Amino acid sequence: MSTVSSTRPPAPALDLVTIEPEHARRRWSPPRPLRRAAGPVATLLLWYVLSATGVLAPDVLAGPGVVFGKALSMIADGELPTAIAVSAQRVLFGFLIGAAAGLALALAAGLFRLGEDLVDATVGMFRTLPWVGLIPLFIIWFGINEEPKIALVALGVSFPIYFNVYAGIRGVDAQLVEAGRVLGLTRWGLVRHVVLPGTVPSALVGLRYALGTAWLALVWAEQVNASQGIGYLMNNAQQFFQTDVIVVCLVTYAVLGLLCDLVVRLGGKYLLAWRSSFEGA
């Protein structure tokens, strides 16, 4: 009877690979604030070069030095701070009205099927109306004072708030809602502890869009019989071909919009501290 040898062949040698942490394998890169500032700084340098070489004539677009000097003079005489205060007040009132209306409609459409049937299609229809086409109606309805300007801002704000909050409500995981029911939560308890917390990320996105839209709407609103504000300064500058003042006003709009966006982003980090998310590779 033949016997089978129990001797096994030697195991192949394994090549051991040292696994390094991800942060150790990354190459050095500039800090994020420096990288984020690279684009604006490059744009400013290009603007300076084009102005200094005469490619951009002063009557077409004033150079950055002229614009900076004009901004300092407008700040020193109080003209720009006064205009910013007036425009910010219009944005604040319009934003509060539009956000309240958009939030109320989104809650009605998102939480109730009857509300969705009555509200969603109507809001979608009004969303397609051009803002500029509504200005004559707003003047007829509200006059030529502050009311049409605030109404235009409120209209622009309400749509981003509505659509994002509505999408956030309907995007809540149904299994979480069912789990809340199993635990004995009432309808209000489900809304408070499950639906509304799950809506916060979408609501913050809508808030960022709404604040940006508020300043965009204000640009149109302040073209209507404005005697104060940033738009008023731009209209006067347009009549006298003052490109430096126009650029100062445009930069002011952009800076105010960025500050509002920064506040929302910082608030979002605080409100969503419990929620880990992908931050890019």
Protein backbone atom coordinates (compact mmCIF):
# COMPACT_ATOMS: atom_id res chain seq x y z
CA MET A 1 0.00 0.00 0.00
CA SER A 2 1.48 3.33 -1.08
CA THR A 3 1.78 6.12 1.39
CA VAL A 4 1.17 9.81 0.63
CA SER A 5 3.86 12.14 1.80
CA SER A 6 2.56 14.75 4.23
CA THR A 7 5.41 17.12 3.51
CA ARG A 8 4.00 20.47 2.25
CA PRO A 9 5.89 22.78 -0.13
CA PRO A 10 7.37 25.83 1.52
CA ALA A 11 5.11 28.87 1.53
CA PRO A 12 6.16 31.64 -0.83
CA ALA A 13 7.81 34.63 0.75
CA LEU A 14 5.41 37.57 1.22
CA ASP A 15 6.37 41.08 0.27
CA LEU A 16 5.36 43.24 3.20
CA VAL A 17 4.16 46.72 2.28
CA THR A 18 4.27 49.48 4.80
CA ILE A 19 0.95 51.31 4.84
CA GLU A 20 1.38 54.99 5.57
CA PRO A 21 -1.43 57.22 6.81
CA GLU A 22 -3.10 59.31 4.14
CA HIS A 23 -1.81 62.58 5.57
CA ALA A 24 1.76 61.21 5.43
CA ARG A 25 1.43 60.27 1.75
CA ARG A 26 0.13 63.65 0.65
CA ARG A 27 2.51 66.06 -0.94
CA TRP A 28 2.88 69.54 0.43
CA SER A 29 0.37 72.02 -0.90
CA PRO A 30 -0.32 75.67 -0.08
CA PRO A 31 -2.84 76.37 2.68
CA ARG A 32 -6.48 76.43 1.57
CA PRO A 33 -6.98 80.18 2.23
CA LEU A 34 -4.02 80.88 -0.03
CA ARG A 35 -5.38 78.62 -2.75
CA ARG A 36 -8.84 80.17 -2.51
CA ALA A 37 -7.35 83.63 -2.85
CA ALA A 38 -5.31 82.67 -5.93
CA GLY A 39 -8.20 83.17 -8.35
CA PRO A 40 -9.23 86.68 -7.21
CA VAL A 41 -5.60 87.79 -6.96
CA ALA A 42 -4.86 86.52 -10.48
CA THR A 43 -7.94 88.36 -11.79
CA LEU A 44 -6.83 91.56 -10.08
CA LEU A 45 -3.32 91.26 -11.54
CA LEU A 46 -4.72 90.67 -15.03
CA TRP A 47 -6.96 93.71 -14.64
CA TYR A 48 -3.99 95.81 -13.54
CA VAL A 49 -1.81 94.65 -16.43
CA LEU A 50 -4.51 95.31 -19.02
CA SER A 51 -5.14 98.78 -17.60
CA ALA A 52 -1.45 99.66 -17.30
CA THR A 53 -0.69 98.58 -20.87
CA GLY A 54 -3.63 100.54 -22.27
CA VAL A 55 -5.56 97.50 -23.49
CA LEU A 56 -8.43 98.64 -21.26
CA ALA A 57 -9.05 102.31 -21.81
CA PRO A 58 -10.13 104.36 -18.75
CA ASP A 59 -13.46 105.26 -20.38
CA VAL A 60 -14.15 101.54 -20.91
CA LEU A 61 -13.05 100.29 -17.48
CA ALA A 62 -11.11 102.22 -14.87
CA GLY A 63 -7.96 100.64 -13.50
CA PRO A 64 -7.80 99.02 -10.05
CA GLY A 65 -5.79 101.92 -8.61
CA VAL A 66 -8.39 104.46 -9.71
CA VAL A 67 -11.22 102.30 -8.42
CA PHE A 68 -9.51 101.78 -5.07
CA GLY A 69 -8.92 105.51 -4.68
CA LYS A 70 -12.53 106.27 -5.58
CA ALA A 71 -13.74 103.71 -3.04
CA LEU A 72 -11.66 105.34 -0.30
CA SER A 73 -13.05 108.77 -1.14
CA MET A 74 -16.63 107.47 -1.17
CA ILE A 75 -16.08 105.85 2.21
CA ALA A 76 -14.43 108.98 3.65
CA ASP A 77 -17.32 111.27 2.69
CA GLY A 78 -19.92 108.76 3.91
CA GLU A 79 -21.53 108.26 0.51
CA LEU A 80 -20.82 104.53 0.25
CA PRO A 81 -21.63 103.58 3.88
CA THR A 82 -24.98 105.38 3.62
CA ALA A 83 -25.81 103.58 0.38
CA ILE A 84 -24.83 100.22 1.91
CA ALA A 85 -27.04 100.84 4.94
CA VAL A 86 -30.07 101.68 2.77
CA SER A 87 -29.57 98.68 0.46
CA ALA A 88 -28.95 96.31 3.39
CA GLN A 89 -32.20 97.45 4.98
CA ARG A 90 -34.11 96.67 1.79
CA VAL A 91 -32.49 93.25 1.57
CA LEU A 92 -33.25 92.52 5.22
CA PHE A 93 -36.94 93.38 5.00
CA GLY A 94 -37.37 91.63 1.65
CA PHE A 95 -35.51 88.56 2.85
CA LEU A 96 -37.58 88.22 6.03
CA ILE A 97 -40.85 88.50 4.12
CA GLY A 98 -39.79 86.18 1.30
CA ALA A 99 -38.23 83.59 3.61
CA ALA A 100 -41.34 83.48 5.81
CA ALA A 101 -43.60 83.04 2.78
CA GLY A 102 -41.38 80.41 1.16
CA LEU A 103 -41.00 78.47 4.41
CA ALA A 104 -44.73 78.48 5.11
CA LEU A 105 -45.55 77.27 1.59
CA ALA A 106 -42.84 74.59 1.73
CA LEU A 107 -44.14 73.24 5.05
CA ALA A 108 -47.68 73.15 3.72
CA ALA A 109 -46.68 71.37 0.51
CA GLY A 110 -44.08 69.09 2.08
CA LEU A 111 -46.01 67.88 5.11
CA PHE A 112 -49.47 67.51 3.58
CA ARG A 113 -50.54 65.95 0.30
CA LEU A 114 -53.43 68.38 -0.03
CA GLY A 115 -50.98 71.24 0.44
CA GLU A 116 -48.76 69.82 -2.28
CA ASP A 117 -51.71 69.59 -4.67
CA LEU A 118 -52.74 73.18 -4.00
CA VAL A 119 -49.33 74.87 -3.69
CA ASP A 120 -46.60 73.14 -5.66
CA ALA A 121 -47.90 73.63 -9.19
CA THR A 122 -48.84 77.24 -8.45
CA VAL A 123 -45.39 78.09 -7.09
CA GLY A 124 -43.77 76.37 -10.05
CA MET A 125 -45.88 78.49 -12.41
CA PHE A 126 -44.98 81.78 -10.73
CA ARG A 127 -41.33 80.73 -10.63
CA THR A 128 -41.10 81.06 -14.41
CA LEU A 129 -42.28 84.67 -14.46
CA PRO A 130 -39.48 87.17 -15.25
CA TRP A 131 -38.73 89.60 -12.45
CA VAL A 132 -38.24 92.54 -14.79
CA GLY A 133 -41.70 92.02 -16.25
CA LEU A 134 -43.24 92.31 -12.78
CA ILE A 135 -41.70 95.70 -12.01
CA PRO A 136 -44.45 97.74 -13.79
CA LEU A 137 -47.13 95.80 -11.89
CA PHE A 138 -45.35 96.31 -8.58
CA ILE A 139 -45.15 100.04 -9.26
CA ILE A 140 -48.90 100.13 -9.97
CA TRP A 141 -49.72 98.06 -6.89
CA PHE A 142 -47.27 99.49 -4.35
CA GLY A 143 -46.27 102.89 -5.73
CA ILE A 144 -42.75 104.15 -6.31
CA ASN A 145 -41.39 104.22 -2.77
CA GLU A 146 -39.74 101.36 -0.88
CA GLU A 147 -42.57 98.85 -1.21
CA PRO A 148 -41.94 97.66 -4.81
CA LYS A 149 -38.21 97.23 -4.10
CA ILE A 150 -38.86 95.14 -1.00
CA ALA A 151 -41.56 93.15 -2.82
CA LEU A 152 -39.17 92.30 -5.66
CA VAL A 153 -36.52 91.10 -3.21
CA ALA A 154 -39.11 89.07 -1.28
CA LEU A 155 -40.31 87.43 -4.49
CA GLY A 156 -36.79 86.41 -5.46
CA VAL A 157 -36.05 85.02 -1.99
CA SER A 158 -39.22 82.96 -1.60
CA PHE A 159 -38.55 80.52 -4.46
CA PRO A 160 -35.14 79.13 -3.36
CA ILE A 161 -36.44 78.74 0.19
CA TYR A 162 -39.58 76.97 -0.97
CA PHE A 163 -38.02 74.50 -3.40
CA ASN A 164 -35.10 73.51 -1.17
CA VAL A 165 -37.13 73.11 2.01
CA TYR A 166 -39.83 71.21 0.13
CA ALA A 167 -37.20 68.90 -1.41
CA GLY A 168 -35.59 68.43 2.00
CA ILE A 169 -38.88 67.40 3.60
CA ARG A 170 -39.71 64.94 0.86
CA GLY A 171 -36.14 63.62 0.89
CA VAL A 172 -36.26 62.42 4.51
CA ASP A 173 -35.72 58.66 4.71
CA ALA A 174 -39.09 56.91 5.03
CA GLN A 175 -37.50 54.24 7.25
CA LEU A 176 -36.64 56.91 9.82
CA VAL A 177 -40.23 58.10 9.80
CA GLU A 178 -41.46 54.54 10.25
CA ALA A 179 -39.01 54.00 13.10
CA GLY A 180 -40.34 57.12 14.79
CA ARG A 181 -43.88 55.81 14.52
CA VAL A 182 -42.82 52.49 16.01
CA LEU A 183 -41.29 54.36 18.94
CA GLY A 184 -44.61 56.07 19.53
CA LEU A 185 -43.94 59.55 18.23
CA THR A 186 -46.97 61.66 17.42
CA ARG A 187 -47.33 63.56 14.14
CA TRP A 188 -45.82 66.67 15.70
CA GLY A 189 -43.08 64.53 17.27
CA LEU A 190 -42.21 63.07 13.88
CA VAL A 191 -42.04 66.53 12.35
CA ARG A 192 -39.95 67.93 15.19
CA HIS A 193 -37.51 65.07 15.80
CA VAL A 194 -37.27 63.40 12.38
CA VAL A 195 -38.49 65.52 9.48
CA LEU A 196 -37.18 68.97 10.40
CA PRO A 197 -33.64 67.81 11.39
CA GLY A 198 -33.42 65.89 8.13
CA THR A 199 -34.47 69.02 6.22
CA VAL A 200 -31.73 71.25 7.65
CA PRO A 201 -29.04 70.50 4.97
CA SER A 202 -31.40 71.33 2.09
CA ALA A 203 -32.74 74.36 3.95
CA LEU A 204 -29.22 75.75 4.36
CA VAL A 205 -28.60 75.33 0.62
CA GLY A 206 -31.82 77.22 -0.03
CA LEU A 207 -30.76 79.92 2.42
CA ARG A 208 -27.47 80.43 0.58
CA TYR A 209 -29.26 80.70 -2.75
CA ALA A 210 -31.88 83.00 -1.25
CA LEU A 211 -29.35 85.47 0.14
CA GLY A 212 -27.51 85.58 -3.17
CA THR A 213 -30.78 86.04 -5.02
CA ALA A 214 -31.77 88.85 -2.64
CA TRP A 215 -28.78 90.94 -3.72
CA LEU A 216 -29.37 90.11 -7.38
CA ALA A 217 -33.00 91.16 -7.08
CA LEU A 218 -31.93 94.34 -5.35
CA VAL A 219 -29.84 95.30 -8.39
CA TRP A 220 -33.06 95.33 -10.45
CA ALA A 221 -35.16 96.82 -7.66
CA GLU A 222 -32.90 99.82 -7.18
CA GLN A 223 -33.22 100.73 -10.82
CA VAL A 224 -36.80 101.82 -10.04
CA ASN A 225 -36.97 105.44 -8.88
CA ALA A 226 -34.28 104.99 -6.23
CA SER A 227 -32.98 108.11 -4.50
CA GLN A 228 -30.64 106.23 -2.18
CA GLY A 229 -28.75 102.96 -2.16
CA ILE A 230 -26.04 101.27 -4.17
CA GLY A 231 -28.24 101.04 -7.26
CA TYR A 232 -28.85 104.79 -7.09
CA LEU A 233 -25.09 105.40 -7.15
CA MET A 234 -24.77 103.10 -10.16
CA ASN A 235 -27.52 104.90 -12.07
CA ASN A 236 -25.88 108.27 -11.51
CA ALA A 237 -22.48 106.88 -12.48
CA GLN A 238 -23.94 105.45 -15.69
CA GLN A 239 -25.27 108.85 -16.73
CA PHE A 240 -21.86 110.47 -16.26
CA PHE A 241 -19.81 107.51 -17.60
CA GLN A 242 -18.06 107.04 -14.25
CA THR A 243 -16.79 103.50 -14.65
CA ASP A 244 -14.84 103.70 -11.41
CA VAL A 245 -18.02 104.31 -9.39
CA ILE A 246 -19.84 101.53 -11.24
CA VAL A 247 -17.05 99.06 -10.42
CA VAL A 248 -17.03 100.19 -6.77
CA CYS A 249 -20.78 99.49 -6.56
CA LEU A 250 -20.44 96.10 -8.26
CA VAL A 251 -17.62 95.08 -5.93
CA THR A 252 -19.73 96.23 -2.98
CA TYR A 253 -22.61 94.03 -4.11
CA ALA A 254 -20.23 91.09 -4.47
CA VAL A 255 -18.58 91.58 -1.07
CA LEU A 256 -21.92 91.90 0.72
CA GLY A 257 -23.16 88.74 -0.98
CA LEU A 258 -20.01 86.85 -0.02
CA LEU A 259 -20.31 87.98 3.60
CA CYS A 260 -23.89 86.72 3.76
CA ASP A 261 -22.80 83.42 2.24
CA LEU A 262 -19.97 83.11 4.75
CA VAL A 263 -22.36 83.63 7.67
CA VAL A 264 -24.64 80.87 6.37
CA ARG A 265 -21.72 78.48 5.85
CA LEU A 266 -20.42 79.05 9.37
CA GLY A 267 -23.92 78.58 10.75
CA GLY A 268 -24.27 75.39 8.74
CA LYS A 269 -21.11 73.95 10.27
CA TYR A 270 -22.55 74.59 13.72
CA LEU A 271 -26.02 73.21 12.95
CA LEU A 272 -24.63 70.15 11.15
CA ALA A 273 -21.84 69.36 13.59
CA TRP A 274 -23.54 66.01 14.29
CA ARG A 275 -23.45 65.02 10.62
CA SER A 276 -20.20 63.91 9.00
CA SER A 277 -19.97 64.56 5.28
CA PHE A 278 -17.47 64.28 2.45
CA GLU A 279 -15.25 67.37 2.23
CA GLY A 280 -13.31 66.57 -0.92
CA ALA A 281 -10.15 64.61 -1.60
